Amino acid sequence: MSAPTAATAAPATASGADRCVRAPLPVLGRDVTVPLVTGGEVAYAALDYAASAPALQRVWDDVAAYAPYYGSVHRGAGYLSQLSTDLFENARRTVAEFLGCRDGDQVVFTRSTTDSLNLLAAALPAGCEVLVFETEHHASLLPWRGARVTYLDAPRTPDEAVDALERALAGREPHGPALVCVTGASNVTGELWPVRELAAAAHAHGARIVLDAAQLAPHHPVSVTDLDVDWVAFSGHKLYAPFGSGVLAGRADWLREAEPYLAGGGASRTVSRRADGGVDVEWHDGAARHEAGSPNVIGAHAVASACKALTEEGFENLVARERHLIGKVRTGLAAVPGVRILSLFGDDAPRVGVISFVVEGWNSSHFAAALSAEYGIGVRDGLFCAHPLVRILLGGDPQAQGECGAPEAAPGEKSLNAVRVSFGAGTPDEHVERFVRATAELVAQGAQWDYRTQDGRCVPVV
């Protein structure tokens, strides 16, 4: 039994000098125009993919095709309920294939990467030690409050990261479980981390490893088997699917032995009253154990649709196009005086389409506001939910942002925060070219409008 899906159009190819680079995949919002404070409108350039990528048109069409057939999941005898249940469980299989899961691995649907890692944190066995680099996104850095946590200093090369983990694991108590948590690609610098080597180091010392693939999965293939990680977590809203669904996939034993993440219907197999007035519960031991309540079938279907779309397009094509865009942005920014790109591993490190930078003499919030209001470009500014890492890269330990109307940092002074531009499978060349031109113009000429601080952010004066 299967639900209707939208037809998939063959992707077009670029022309001219870049004819070997595929055209961007169709995404929602590509025709949206936004007003400029200086007058007129312009097509919106969405360059904040690292926060949330626009949904693929293919994904949205698949969701719309299913919507009339919406029904309860796992609970109904009717045709639409059976259809929805099949769709939900088929989505689980599609995600398992996308991630190259092993036999016996579980795919649990969650709300997000953050939710996935908190679920795993709640499933840690007693006495488990967690090792995590201080460079992680807060979703990976903060969930481990019930465990003994060892925070590792920021490495400056991939080899240094592996060496630091090796030393930390060799120096820990040899008895008891341990878990290493590491990102696949930084949400600040875009740099790829040596996941396979870190997994080998973890396993050599009897530890397990979970991969935060929120920034990696939309850009590069992720295989649990090839990377030899124990779990992987990612979010649908970064994988070109609408908000509200995430995935935790990997080994079943810790999840099976843990108390359910949420207690309620769906997680329980049987419930009965005892003679003393209490309740006896037999919990499921599969993925349902941690999926209590009515599941987000549309979210799961959207994630599976995105997995299919990326697989069919081919990551070789996606990576080639992204490298093309990365080259345009990095070359363009390098030519602008006073712009410094942030990097942990160096300029030659392989990376995805995530680039953070500071502009000498500019408040980053002011710069981002001017890009939006005067050029129709959406970027991110701040510390990107990775405060320790950004502060390390900026060379300071700031506690507050400056006023948007004044420079954040005068020449020679330290910046307080940064600007991040990020892009992916749906980004046309024109968007990154407009961004580079806008950056050069703002640095050379300054903002053309007045701005003020409102609720801690810079906004144009209306």
Protein backbone atom coordinates (compact mmCIF):
# COMPACT_ATOMS: atom_id res chain seq x y z
CA MET A 1 0.00 0.00 0.00
CA SER A 2 1.52 3.33 -0.99
CA ALA A 3 0.51 6.97 -0.95
CA PRO A 4 0.63 9.19 -4.04
CA THR A 5 3.88 11.02 -4.62
CA ALA A 6 4.74 13.94 -6.84
CA ALA A 7 6.51 13.40 -10.13
CA THR A 8 10.21 14.17 -10.12
CA ALA A 9 11.54 16.38 -12.86
CA ALA A 10 15.01 15.75 -14.21
CA PRO A 11 17.37 18.46 -12.96
CA ALA A 12 18.60 20.97 -15.48
CA THR A 13 22.27 21.64 -16.06
CA ALA A 14 24.15 24.89 -15.95
CA SER A 15 25.51 26.38 -19.14
CA GLY A 16 28.59 28.25 -20.31
CA ALA A 17 31.89 27.94 -18.49
CA ASP A 18 30.22 26.12 -15.60
CA ARG A 19 28.27 23.62 -17.72
CA CYS A 20 29.85 20.74 -15.79
CA VAL A 21 28.17 22.03 -12.60
CA ARG A 22 24.55 21.04 -12.13
CA ALA A 23 21.85 23.67 -11.68
CA PRO A 24 20.41 24.16 -8.18
CA LEU A 25 17.58 21.91 -7.09
CA PRO A 26 14.14 23.61 -7.05
CA VAL A 27 13.26 24.83 -3.56
CA LEU A 28 10.33 26.69 -2.04
CA GLY A 29 10.75 30.45 -1.89
CA ARG A 30 12.91 30.76 -4.97
CA ASP A 31 10.44 33.26 -6.49
CA VAL A 32 9.75 35.25 -3.30
CA THR A 33 10.54 38.96 -3.51
CA VAL A 34 11.22 41.21 -0.53
CA PRO A 35 11.15 45.01 -0.16
CA LEU A 36 14.32 47.06 0.17
CA VAL A 37 14.52 50.09 2.44
CA THR A 38 16.09 51.99 -0.45
CA GLY A 39 13.04 51.31 -2.64
CA GLY A 40 11.78 48.56 -4.86
CA GLU A 41 11.87 44.80 -4.41
CA VAL A 42 14.36 42.05 -5.13
CA ALA A 43 14.32 38.25 -5.21
CA TYR A 44 15.18 37.02 -1.72
CA ALA A 45 18.63 35.42 -1.43
CA ALA A 46 18.32 32.77 1.29
CA LEU A 47 21.86 32.26 2.56
CA ASP A 48 21.11 30.85 6.01
CA TYR A 49 20.92 27.15 5.11
CA ALA A 50 22.91 26.16 8.19
CA ALA A 51 20.01 27.32 10.37
CA SER A 52 17.19 25.98 8.20
CA ALA A 53 17.37 25.08 4.54
CA PRO A 54 14.37 25.83 2.31
CA ALA A 55 12.26 22.77 1.57
CA LEU A 56 12.82 21.09 -1.76
CA GLN A 57 9.88 21.56 -4.11
CA ARG A 58 9.90 17.79 -4.60
CA VAL A 59 9.49 17.24 -0.85
CA TRP A 60 6.68 19.77 -0.56
CA ASP A 61 4.86 18.19 -3.51
CA ASP A 62 5.19 14.73 -1.97
CA VAL A 63 3.75 16.00 1.31
CA ALA A 64 0.88 17.74 -0.50
CA ALA A 65 0.13 14.58 -2.48
CA TYR A 66 -0.18 12.58 0.75
CA ALA A 67 -2.14 15.18 2.75
CA PRO A 68 -5.66 14.11 1.57
CA TYR A 69 -4.87 10.56 2.69
CA TYR A 70 -3.87 11.59 6.23
CA GLY A 71 -4.96 9.19 8.97
CA SER A 72 -4.02 7.92 12.42
CA VAL A 73 -0.83 5.88 12.65
CA HIS A 74 -0.49 2.40 14.20
CA ARG A 75 -3.96 2.63 15.72
CA GLY A 76 -6.66 2.61 13.08
CA ALA A 77 -8.31 -0.22 11.14
CA GLY A 78 -9.47 2.07 8.32
CA TYR A 79 -7.86 2.31 4.92
CA LEU A 80 -6.31 5.76 5.49
CA SER A 81 -4.92 4.69 8.85
CA GLN A 82 -3.30 1.66 7.26
CA LEU A 83 -1.98 3.83 4.45
CA SER A 84 -0.47 6.31 6.90
CA THR A 85 1.07 3.52 8.97
CA ASP A 86 2.68 2.02 5.86
CA LEU A 87 3.95 5.45 4.85
CA PHE A 88 5.47 6.03 8.30
CA GLU A 89 7.23 2.66 8.44
CA ASN A 90 8.39 2.94 4.83
CA ALA A 91 9.91 6.30 5.76
CA ARG A 92 11.86 4.53 8.49
CA ARG A 93 13.24 2.06 5.96
CA THR A 94 14.12 4.83 3.51
CA VAL A 95 16.07 6.71 6.18
CA ALA A 96 17.88 3.51 7.19
CA GLU A 97 18.97 3.01 3.59
CA PHE A 98 20.00 6.66 3.24
CA LEU A 99 22.21 6.31 6.34
CA GLY A 100 23.64 2.92 5.42
CA CYS A 101 22.43 1.39 8.66
CA ARG A 102 23.53 -2.08 9.76
CA ASP A 103 21.24 -5.03 10.36
CA GLY A 104 19.68 -4.58 13.76
CA ASP A 105 20.09 -0.79 13.88
CA GLN A 106 17.05 1.25 14.89
CA VAL A 107 15.74 4.42 13.30
CA VAL A 108 13.84 6.55 15.81
CA PHE A 109 11.93 9.61 14.63
CA THR A 110 12.35 12.65 16.88
CA ARG A 111 11.72 16.38 16.61
CA SER A 112 15.27 17.48 15.72
CA THR A 113 18.98 16.80 16.21
CA THR A 114 18.72 18.37 19.66
CA ASP A 115 15.85 16.04 20.55
CA SER A 116 17.76 13.04 19.19
CA LEU A 117 20.85 13.72 21.27
CA ASN A 118 18.78 14.38 24.39
CA LEU A 119 17.06 11.03 23.79
CA LEU A 120 20.43 9.29 23.59
CA ALA A 121 21.59 11.15 26.71
CA ALA A 122 18.55 9.80 28.56
CA ALA A 123 19.46 6.28 27.41
CA LEU A 124 23.07 6.27 28.63
CA PRO A 125 23.87 3.33 30.90
CA ALA A 126 24.74 4.04 34.51
CA GLY A 127 28.23 5.42 35.03
CA CYS A 128 28.71 6.35 31.38
CA GLU A 129 31.38 8.95 30.67
CA VAL A 130 30.85 11.34 27.75
CA LEU A 131 33.71 12.95 25.86
CA VAL A 132 32.90 15.98 23.72
CA PHE A 133 34.98 18.72 22.13
CA GLU A 134 34.28 22.29 23.25
CA THR A 135 33.85 23.16 19.57
CA GLU A 136 30.47 21.43 19.32
CA HIS A 137 27.11 23.02 18.63
CA HIS A 138 25.08 23.35 21.82
CA ALA A 139 22.86 20.45 20.66
CA SER A 140 25.90 18.20 21.08
CA LEU A 141 27.54 20.05 23.94
CA LEU A 142 24.72 20.35 26.47
CA PRO A 143 22.47 17.24 26.67
CA TRP A 144 24.79 15.15 28.86
CA ARG A 145 23.88 16.65 32.23
CA GLY A 146 23.28 13.28 33.89
CA ALA A 147 26.69 11.88 32.93
CA ARG A 148 30.32 12.51 33.74
CA VAL A 149 31.46 14.79 30.94
CA THR A 150 35.01 15.40 29.74
CA TYR A 151 35.27 18.50 27.59
CA LEU A 152 38.19 18.40 25.16
CA ASP A 153 40.01 21.55 24.08
CA ALA A 154 39.57 22.85 20.56
CA PRO A 155 42.01 21.13 18.20
CA ARG A 156 43.74 23.09 15.44
CA THR A 157 44.08 20.20 12.97
CA PRO A 158 42.10 17.01 12.33
CA ASP A 159 45.11 14.95 13.45
CA GLU A 160 45.23 16.93 16.68
CA ALA A 161 41.56 16.10 17.28
CA VAL A 162 42.25 12.37 16.94
CA ASP A 163 45.35 12.60 19.16
CA ALA A 164 43.43 14.52 21.85
CA LEU A 165 40.69 11.92 21.90
CA GLU A 166 43.21 9.10 22.03
CA ARG A 167 44.90 10.67 25.06
CA ALA A 168 41.62 11.33 26.84
CA LEU A 169 40.38 7.78 26.30
CA ALA A 170 43.70 6.25 27.32
CA GLY A 171 43.65 8.24 30.56
CA ARG A 172 40.12 7.38 31.66
CA GLU A 173 39.04 4.58 33.96
CA PRO A 174 39.15 1.38 31.87
CA HIS A 175 35.92 0.04 33.32
CA GLY A 176 32.48 1.30 32.47
CA PRO A 177 30.85 2.61 29.30
CA ALA A 178 31.93 5.74 27.44
CA LEU A 179 30.47 7.76 24.60
CA VAL A 180 32.17 10.22 22.25
CA CYS A 181 30.00 12.90 20.63
CA VAL A 182 31.35 14.71 17.57
CA THR A 183 30.05 16.83 14.73
CA GLY A 184 30.50 15.82 11.11
CA ALA A 185 30.75 19.39 9.78
CA SER A 186 31.01 22.54 11.84
CA ASN A 187 28.01 24.84 11.83
CA VAL A 188 30.43 27.77 12.23
CA THR A 189 33.32 27.08 9.84
CA GLY A 190 31.83 24.35 7.65
CA GLU A 191 34.99 22.30 8.16
CA LEU A 192 34.72 18.51 7.99
CA TRP A 193 35.82 16.54 11.03
CA PRO A 194 37.75 13.24 10.85
CA VAL A 195 34.77 11.12 11.85
CA ARG A 196 36.08 7.75 10.68
CA GLU A 197 39.38 8.23 12.51
CA LEU A 198 37.65 9.41 15.68
CA ALA A 199 35.33 6.40 15.54
CA ALA A 200 38.33 4.07 15.23
CA ALA A 201 39.98 5.74 18.25
CA ALA A 202 36.79 5.45 20.29
CA HIS A 203 36.29 1.78 19.50
CA ALA A 204 39.95 0.96 20.14
CA HIS A 205 39.39 2.08 23.74
CA GLY A 206 36.01 0.42 24.21
CA ALA A 207 33.98 3.60 23.77
CA ARG A 208 31.05 4.31 21.46
CA ILE A 209 30.52 7.33 19.25
CA VAL A 210 27.53 9.38 18.11
CA LEU A 211 27.77 11.60 15.04
CA ASP A 212 25.95 14.92 14.93
CA ALA A 213 25.25 15.00 11.19
CA ALA A 214 22.96 18.04 11.18
CA GLN A 215 25.36 19.98 8.94
CA LEU A 216 26.92 16.99 7.19
CA ALA A 217 23.93 14.97 5.93
CA PRO A 218 22.55 17.72 3.64
CA HIS A 219 25.91 18.10 1.89
CA HIS A 220 27.78 14.78 1.93
CA PRO A 221 26.82 11.09 2.06
CA VAL A 222 26.63 9.72 5.60
CA SER A 223 26.96 5.98 6.13
CA VAL A 224 26.77 4.51 9.62
CA THR A 225 28.49 1.40 8.28
CA ASP A 226 31.31 3.09 6.36
CA LEU A 227 32.07 5.62 9.09
CA ASP A 228 31.67 2.90 11.75
CA VAL A 229 29.77 5.19 14.12
CA ASP A 230 27.35 3.79 16.66
CA TRP A 231 24.63 6.43 16.20
CA VAL A 232 23.89 9.33 13.90
CA ALA A 233 21.52 12.24 14.51
CA PHE A 234 20.19 14.86 12.08
CA SER A 235 17.28 17.24 11.49
CA GLY A 236 14.78 17.34 8.66
CA HIS A 237 14.71 21.14 8.50
CA LYS A 238 18.38 21.23 7.51
CA LEU A 239 17.87 18.39 4.99
CA TYR A 240 15.44 20.38 2.80
CA ALA A 241 12.32 19.08 4.58
CA PRO A 242 9.82 21.20 6.54
CA PHE A 243 10.24 21.77 10.27
CA GLY A 244 9.38 19.31 12.99
CA SER A 245 11.12 15.99 12.43
CA GLY A 246 14.52 14.53 13.22
CA VAL A 247 16.26 11.17 13.35
CA LEU A 248 18.35 9.14 15.76
CA ALA A 249 19.65 5.99 14.09
CA GLY A 250 22.04 3.34 15.31
CA ARG A 251 22.60 0.56 17.78
CA ALA A 252 19.52 -0.77 19.53
CA ASP A 253 20.88 -2.11 22.82
CA TRP A 254 21.21 1.08 24.87
CA LEU A 255 17.89 2.34 23.52
CA ARG A 256 16.19 -0.98 24.23
CA GLU A 257 17.45 -1.13 27.81
CA ALA A 258 16.65 2.49 28.71
CA GLU A 259 13.44 3.80 30.15
CA PRO A 260 11.19 5.23 27.43
CA TYR A 261 12.09 8.80 26.50
CA LEU A 262 8.41 9.68 26.86
CA ALA A 263 5.84 7.58 28.71
CA GLY A 264 2.52 7.12 26.97
CA GLY A 265 0.56 5.42 24.25
CA GLY A 266 2.58 3.84 21.49
CA ALA A 267 5.60 3.22 23.74
CA SER A 268 3.68 0.67 25.82
CA ARG A 269 2.84 -2.85 24.67
CA THR A 270 0.50 -3.72 27.54
CA VAL A 271 -0.73 -1.87 30.64
CA SER A 272 -2.63 -3.47 33.53
CA ARG A 273 -3.76 -2.53 37.04
CA ARG A 274 -2.25 -4.37 39.98
CA ALA A 275 -4.17 -5.55 43.02
CA ASP A 276 -2.39 -2.93 45.13
CA GLY A 277 -3.75 -0.16 42.89
CA GLY A 278 -0.58 0.43 40.90
CA VAL A 279 0.07 -0.10 37.21
CA ASP A 280 2.23 -2.67 35.44
CA VAL A 281 3.63 -1.67 32.04
CA GLU A 282 5.39 -3.73 29.40
CA TRP A 283 7.21 -1.35 27.08
CA HIS A 284 8.02 -1.96 23.43
CA ASP A 285 11.65 -2.81 22.77
CA GLY A 286 11.84 -1.43 19.21
CA ALA A 287 11.86 2.14 17.95
CA ALA A 288 8.30 2.62 19.24
CA ARG A 289 9.71 2.51 22.79
CA HIS A 290 10.91 6.10 22.32
CA GLU A 291 8.12 7.36 20.03
CA ALA A 292 5.23 7.73 22.48
CA GLY A 293 2.17 9.62 21.30
CA SER A 294 0.85 10.00 17.78
CA PRO A 295 3.91 10.28 15.56
CA ASN A 296 4.63 13.07 13.10
CA VAL A 297 3.89 11.02 9.99
CA ILE A 298 4.05 14.04 7.67
CA GLY A 299 7.43 15.00 9.11
CA ALA A 300 8.78 11.47 8.70
CA HIS A 301 7.42 11.30 5.14
CA ALA A 302 9.06 14.64 4.34
CA VAL A 303 12.44 13.49 5.68
CA ALA A 304 12.22 10.28 3.64
CA SER A 305 11.30 12.27 0.54
CA ALA A 306 14.34 14.50 1.04
CA CYS A 307 16.56 11.43 1.47
CA LYS A 308 15.26 10.04 -1.81
CA ALA A 309 15.68 13.35 -3.65
CA LEU A 310 19.31 13.78 -2.56
CA THR A 311 20.13 10.17 -3.32
CA GLU A 312 18.62 10.40 -6.80
CA GLU A 313 20.40 13.67 -7.56
CA GLY A 314 23.66 12.06 -6.44
CA PHE A 315 26.00 13.47 -3.82
CA GLU A 316 28.81 13.62 -6.37
CA ASN A 317 26.81 16.27 -8.25
CA LEU A 318 25.76 18.04 -5.05
CA VAL A 319 29.32 18.20 -3.72
CA ALA A 320 30.68 19.46 -7.05
CA ARG A 321 28.14 22.27 -7.19
CA GLU A 322 28.76 23.23 -3.58
CA ARG A 323 32.52 23.39 -4.09
CA HIS A 324 31.84 25.70 -7.01
CA LEU A 325 29.82 28.03 -4.75
CA ILE A 326 32.33 27.81 -1.89
CA GLY A 327 35.06 28.90 -4.29
CA LYS A 328 33.02 31.92 -5.41
CA VAL A 329 32.35 33.06 -1.84
CA ARG A 330 35.82 32.50 -0.41
CA THR A 331 37.54 34.11 -3.40
CA GLY A 332 35.15 37.05 -3.28
CA LEU A 333 35.55 37.64 0.45
CA ALA A 334 39.34 37.34 0.22
CA ALA A 335 39.33 40.34 -2.11
CA VAL A 336 37.43 42.58 0.35
CA PRO A 337 39.69 44.57 2.71
CA GLY A 338 39.09 43.98 6.41
CA VAL A 339 37.18 40.71 6.01
CA ARG A 340 38.52 37.74 7.98
CA ILE A 341 37.09 34.26 7.42
CA LEU A 342 36.99 32.15 10.59
CA SER A 343 38.68 28.75 10.46
CA LEU A 344 39.78 26.14 12.95
CA PHE A 345 41.70 23.76 10.66
CA GLY A 346 43.02 26.27 8.11
CA ASP A 347 42.11 27.53 4.66
CA ASP A 348 42.80 24.23 2.90
CA ALA A 349 40.52 22.12 5.11
CA PRO A 350 37.65 20.40 3.27
CA ARG A 351 34.33 21.99 4.13
CA VAL A 352 30.64 22.31 3.35
CA GLY A 353 28.85 25.51 2.36
CA VAL A 354 29.08 27.25 5.74
CA ILE A 355 31.38 30.28 6.05
CA SER A 356 31.63 32.66 9.02
CA PHE A 357 33.55 35.90 8.97
CA VAL A 358 34.09 39.24 10.67
CA VAL A 359 34.50 42.67 9.10
CA GLU A 360 36.96 45.06 10.68
CA GLY A 361 35.20 48.04 12.22
CA TRP A 362 31.69 46.60 11.73
CA ASN A 363 29.18 45.34 14.23
CA SER A 364 28.14 41.95 12.84
CA SER A 365 24.46 42.51 13.63
CA HIS A 366 24.63 45.83 11.77
CA PHE A 367 26.31 44.17 8.79
CA ALA A 368 23.72 41.39 8.62
CA ALA A 369 20.87 43.89 8.96
CA ALA A 370 22.24 45.97 6.08
CA LEU A 371 22.59 42.88 3.87
CA SER A 372 18.93 42.15 4.47
CA ALA A 373 17.42 45.62 4.33
CA GLU A 374 19.48 47.02 1.45
CA TYR A 375 20.18 43.92 -0.65
CA GLY A 376 17.52 41.33 0.20
CA ILE A 377 20.08 38.83 1.50
CA GLY A 378 19.35 36.64 4.52
CA VAL A 379 22.37 35.57 6.61
CA ARG A 380 22.97 34.86 10.29
CA ASP A 381 24.93 36.84 12.84
CA GLY A 382 25.96 36.13 16.43
CA LEU A 383 27.57 33.11 18.06
CA PHE A 384 25.52 30.46 16.20
CA CYS A 385 24.63 28.26 19.21
CA ALA A 386 28.31 27.35 19.40
CA HIS A 387 29.48 30.02 21.83
CA PRO A 388 32.77 28.45 23.00
CA LEU A 389 33.92 27.78 19.44
CA VAL A 390 33.09 31.23 18.07
CA ARG A 391 34.76 32.92 21.05
CA ILE A 392 37.89 30.84 20.46
CA LEU A 393 37.92 31.79 16.78
CA LEU A 394 37.41 35.46 17.62
CA GLY A 395 40.21 35.37 20.15
CA GLY A 396 38.21 36.60 23.12
CA ASP A 397 35.53 35.83 25.66
CA PRO A 398 32.77 38.41 24.99
CA GLN A 399 29.69 38.55 27.19
CA ALA A 400 27.60 41.10 25.27
CA GLN A 401 27.03 42.59 21.84
CA GLY A 402 27.66 46.20 20.95
CA GLU A 403 25.13 48.78 19.82
CA CYS A 404 24.24 48.33 16.17
CA GLY A 405 24.73 51.96 15.26
CA ALA A 406 28.36 51.92 16.38
CA PRO A 407 31.27 49.78 15.22
CA GLU A 408 31.50 46.50 17.07
CA ALA A 409 35.27 46.50 16.91
CA ALA A 410 37.58 49.28 15.88
CA PRO A 411 40.64 48.38 13.82
CA GLY A 412 42.90 46.19 15.92
CA GLU A 413 40.22 45.36 18.48
CA LYS A 414 38.53 41.99 18.96
CA SER A 415 35.11 41.27 17.44
CA LEU A 416 32.21 40.28 19.65
CA ASN A 417 30.35 38.10 17.17
CA ALA A 418 30.41 37.06 13.52
CA VAL A 419 28.40 36.87 10.31
CA ARG A 420 27.60 33.48 8.76
CA VAL A 421 26.69 32.82 5.15
CA SER A 422 25.54 29.30 4.28
CA PHE A 423 24.13 27.65 1.17
CA GLY A 424 23.43 24.31 -0.43
CA ALA A 425 21.61 22.34 -3.09
CA GLY A 426 19.03 25.04 -3.83
CA THR A 427 21.35 28.05 -4.03
CA PRO A 428 21.72 29.73 -7.43
CA ASP A 429 24.98 31.42 -8.43
CA GLU A 430 23.28 34.82 -8.47
CA HIS A 431 22.62 34.69 -4.72
CA VAL A 432 26.25 34.19 -3.73
CA GLU A 433 27.43 36.66 -6.37
CA ARG A 434 25.02 39.30 -5.01
CA PHE A 435 26.28 38.56 -1.49
CA VAL A 436 29.92 39.10 -2.51
CA ARG A 437 29.07 42.35 -4.31
CA ALA A 438 27.02 43.57 -1.36
CA THR A 439 29.83 42.81 1.09
CA ALA A 440 32.33 44.73 -1.03
CA GLU A 441 29.96 47.71 -1.35
CA LEU A 442 29.16 47.87 2.37
CA VAL A 443 32.84 47.76 3.28
CA ALA A 444 33.76 50.39 0.70
CA GLN A 445 30.78 52.74 1.04
CA GLY A 446 29.13 51.94 4.36
CA ALA A 447 25.42 51.36 4.93
CA GLN A 448 23.04 53.59 2.98
CA TRP A 449 20.40 53.58 5.72
CA ASP A 450 20.18 54.33 9.43
CA TYR A 451 19.81 51.46 11.92
CA ARG A 452 18.91 51.18 15.59
CA THR A 453 18.91 48.52 18.28
CA GLN A 454 15.58 46.84 19.01
CA ASP A 455 15.30 43.84 21.37
CA GLY A 456 19.02 43.28 21.07
CA ARG A 457 19.07 43.27 17.26
CA CYS A 458 19.86 45.81 14.60
CA VAL A 459 16.88 46.94 12.53
CA PRO A 460 16.50 49.68 9.93
CA VAL A 461 14.98 52.92 11.11
CA VAL A 462 11.55 53.23 9.48
